[in-house]
Amino acid sequence: MKILKDRIIKDGIIEKDILKVDNFLNHQIDVELLNEIGKE
């Protein structure tokens, strides 16, 4: 899951006590990222 960890560090947004990842997981799914995670 290193690829996911790296992506969270790169593109995750911290607002108060909440880590937001909706820019690549929830609202705008990055299919290539999910395919790479699935390979692990």
Protein backbone atom coordinates (compact mmCIF):
# COMPACT_ATOMS: atom_id res chain seq x y z
CA MET A 1 0.00 0.00 0.00
CA LYS A 2 3.01 2.28 -0.41
CA ILE A 3 1.45 3.83 -3.51
CA LEU A 4 -1.67 4.79 -1.53
CA LYS A 5 0.40 6.17 1.35
CA ASP A 6 2.47 8.25 -1.06
CA ARG A 7 -0.66 9.59 -2.77
CA ILE A 8 -2.25 10.54 0.56
CA ILE A 9 0.92 12.38 1.56
CA LYS A 10 1.04 14.14 -1.82
CA ASP A 11 -2.64 14.99 -2.37
CA GLY A 12 -4.41 14.55 0.97
CA ILE A 13 -5.73 17.70 2.62
CA ILE A 14 -5.93 18.11 6.39
CA GLU A 15 -8.77 20.29 7.65
CA LYS A 16 -8.80 20.49 11.43
CA ASP A 17 -8.85 16.82 12.49
CA ILE A 18 -10.07 15.42 9.17
CA LEU A 19 -7.93 13.98 6.37
CA LYS A 20 -9.68 14.65 3.08
CA VAL A 21 -8.90 12.40 0.11
CA ASP A 22 -12.02 13.11 -1.93
CA ASN A 23 -9.99 14.69 -4.72
CA PHE A 24 -8.76 11.22 -5.76
CA LEU A 25 -10.77 8.54 -3.92
CA ASN A 26 -14.33 9.60 -3.15
CA HIS A 27 -15.63 12.14 -5.67
CA GLN A 28 -13.04 11.87 -8.41
CA ILE A 29 -11.86 8.27 -8.49
CA ASP A 30 -8.35 7.76 -9.87
CA VAL A 31 -8.78 4.46 -11.70
CA GLU A 32 -5.05 4.02 -12.34
CA LEU A 33 -4.33 4.42 -8.62
CA LEU A 34 -6.99 1.85 -7.71
CA ASN A 35 -5.60 -0.60 -10.28
CA GLU A 36 -2.12 -0.27 -8.78
CA ILE A 37 -3.48 -0.77 -5.25
CA GLY A 38 -5.31 -3.89 -6.48
CA LYS A 39 -2.07 -5.36 -7.81
CA GLU A 40 -0.50 -5.25 -4.33
